[in-house]
Protein backbone atom coordinates (compact mmCIF):
# COMPACT_ATOMS: atom_id res chain seq x y z
CA MET A 1 39.78 -14.59 -5.18
CA ALA A 2 39.26 -18.39 -5.66
CA SER A 3 41.65 -18.58 -8.52
CA GLU A 4 44.37 -16.57 -6.57
CA MET A 5 43.93 -19.01 -3.56
CA LEU A 6 44.51 -21.94 -5.69
CA GLN A 7 47.69 -20.61 -7.22
CA ARG A 8 49.24 -20.35 -3.83
CA GLU A 9 52.22 -22.44 -2.93
CA ASP A 10 51.14 -23.08 0.68
CA LEU A 11 47.76 -24.57 -0.29
CA SER A 12 46.52 -27.58 1.79
CA VAL A 13 43.45 -29.44 0.91
CA TYR A 14 41.37 -31.29 3.74
CA VAL A 15 38.29 -33.37 3.26
CA VAL A 16 35.83 -32.66 6.06
CA ALA A 17 32.61 -34.67 6.42
CA GLY A 18 29.67 -34.65 8.53
CA VAL A 19 29.63 -30.88 9.35
CA PRO A 20 26.88 -28.27 8.36
CA LYS A 21 27.78 -25.51 5.79
CA SER A 22 27.68 -23.24 8.86
CA PHE A 23 31.13 -24.74 9.77
CA LYS A 24 32.76 -22.73 7.16
CA LYS A 25 32.51 -19.68 9.36
CA LYS A 26 33.99 -21.26 12.32
CA LEU A 27 36.72 -22.63 10.19
CA GLN A 28 37.53 -19.20 8.64
CA LYS A 29 37.95 -17.73 12.12
CA PHE A 30 40.25 -20.66 13.07
CA VAL A 31 42.42 -20.42 9.94
CA GLY A 32 42.61 -16.71 10.41
CA SER A 33 44.07 -17.25 13.87
CA GLU A 34 46.34 -19.83 13.01
CA SER A 35 47.68 -18.64 9.76
CA LYS A 36 51.04 -17.12 9.46
CA SER A 37 49.98 -14.95 6.46
CA ASP A 38 46.48 -14.36 4.88
CA GLY A 39 45.01 -17.89 5.16
CA ASP A 40 41.53 -18.44 3.89
CA VAL A 41 39.08 -21.10 3.37
CA MET A 42 36.88 -22.05 0.38
CA LEU A 43 33.90 -24.42 -0.04
CA LEU A 44 34.24 -26.31 -3.32
CA ASP A 45 31.49 -26.43 -5.64
CA GLU A 46 29.77 -29.69 -6.35
CA GLU A 47 31.75 -30.61 -9.44
CA MET A 48 35.12 -29.98 -7.90
CA THR A 49 34.03 -31.89 -4.76
CA ASP A 50 33.10 -34.86 -6.88
CA TRP A 51 36.55 -34.82 -8.60
CA VAL A 52 38.42 -34.54 -5.30
CA LEU A 53 36.44 -37.44 -3.97
CA ALA A 54 37.19 -39.46 -6.96
CA ARG A 55 40.75 -38.64 -6.59
CA VAL A 56 40.77 -39.67 -2.82
CA ARG A 57 39.05 -42.86 -3.69
CA GLY A 58 41.74 -43.56 -6.34
CA GLU A 59 39.22 -43.52 -9.15
CA LYS A 60 40.70 -42.99 -12.73
CA ARG A 61 38.77 -41.79 -15.80
CA ARG A 62 37.70 -44.55 -18.02
CA SER A 63 39.26 -44.74 -21.36
CA HIS A 64 36.28 -43.41 -23.21
CA GLU A 65 36.62 -40.23 -21.09
CA GLN A 66 40.15 -39.75 -22.48
CA THR A 67 41.61 -39.15 -26.01
CA PRO A 68 45.20 -39.11 -26.94
CA ALA A 69 45.06 -35.40 -27.33
CA SER A 70 43.48 -34.64 -23.88
CA SER A 71 45.97 -37.14 -22.24
CA ALA A 72 48.93 -35.42 -23.81
CA LEU A 73 47.66 -32.02 -22.89
CA TRP A 74 46.98 -33.08 -19.50
CA ARG A 75 50.59 -34.32 -19.10
CA ALA A 76 51.76 -30.96 -20.42
CA TYR A 77 49.56 -29.28 -17.80
CA ARG A 78 51.24 -31.31 -15.02
CA ALA A 79 54.67 -30.81 -16.20
CA LEU A 80 54.20 -27.03 -16.48
CA SER A 81 52.77 -27.05 -13.10
CA ALA A 82 55.93 -28.60 -11.91
CA ALA A 83 58.17 -26.15 -13.72
CA ARG A 84 56.15 -23.31 -12.10
CA TYR A 85 56.70 -24.89 -8.69
CA HIS A 86 60.43 -25.01 -9.15
CA LEU A 87 60.62 -21.49 -10.78
CA GLN A 88 58.54 -19.80 -8.13
CA ASP A 89 59.69 -16.27 -7.34
CA GLN A 90 61.58 -15.97 -10.51
CA PRO A 91 60.66 -13.79 -13.55
CA MET A 92 59.84 -16.74 -15.78
CA GLU A 93 57.16 -17.94 -13.38
CA GLU A 94 54.36 -15.71 -14.81
CA GLU A 95 55.20 -16.87 -18.30
CA ILE A 96 54.94 -20.48 -17.29
CA ARG A 97 51.83 -19.80 -15.45
CA GLU A 98 50.15 -18.23 -18.55
CA LEU A 99 51.28 -21.11 -20.73
CA ARG A 100 49.91 -23.62 -18.30
CA ASP A 101 46.66 -21.81 -18.19
CA ARG A 102 46.48 -21.79 -22.13
CA ILE A 103 47.22 -25.61 -22.06
CA GLU A 104 44.36 -26.05 -19.42
CA GLU A 105 42.04 -24.18 -21.70
CA LEU A 106 43.14 -26.47 -24.63
CA TRP A 107 42.76 -29.65 -22.72
CA ARG A 108 39.11 -28.64 -21.55
CA ASN A 109 38.26 -28.06 -25.16
CA THR A 110 39.53 -31.41 -26.21
CA SER A 111 38.50 -33.45 -23.27
CA PRO A 112 35.42 -35.59 -23.52
CA LEU A 113 34.55 -35.05 -19.93
CA PHE A 114 33.62 -31.28 -20.80
CA ARG A 115 32.16 -32.18 -24.18
CA ASP A 116 29.23 -33.82 -22.45
CA GLU A 117 28.66 -30.82 -20.14
CA GLU A 118 28.75 -28.36 -23.37
CA GLU A 119 26.20 -30.53 -25.04
CA GLU A 120 23.96 -30.59 -21.90
CA GLU A 121 24.05 -26.86 -21.71
CA GLU A 122 23.30 -26.33 -25.39
CA LEU A 123 20.24 -28.66 -25.05
CA GLU A 124 19.08 -26.87 -21.96
CA GLU A 125 19.41 -23.46 -23.81
CA ALA A 126 17.47 -24.91 -26.95
CA SER A 127 14.67 -25.98 -24.59
């Protein structure tokens, strides 16, 4: 369900601080009553929360966290996301989405950000 939610065109992101995790239930009720269609709420995991907060703060990845290949693939992903938006509700949209998802997979495979995580997981599995 989370993946489907993230692919919606009417997605809005709000950053809420200082509330307990139980706030999610109250927020779900509110969104359900206010939404015109099937609105929903999603609590982000720690990694995604860190990424959102970094973007809100305007933090950029340091140069050692980028490679020319990962930068190019990220630009391609962003371009395909824009194309998908402009082609919404057209037959070609699904094809663009699949291509964008494949580019994202390639980006994750080439990005130094994810290489560190993979190495940590391998070390944990070996111990």
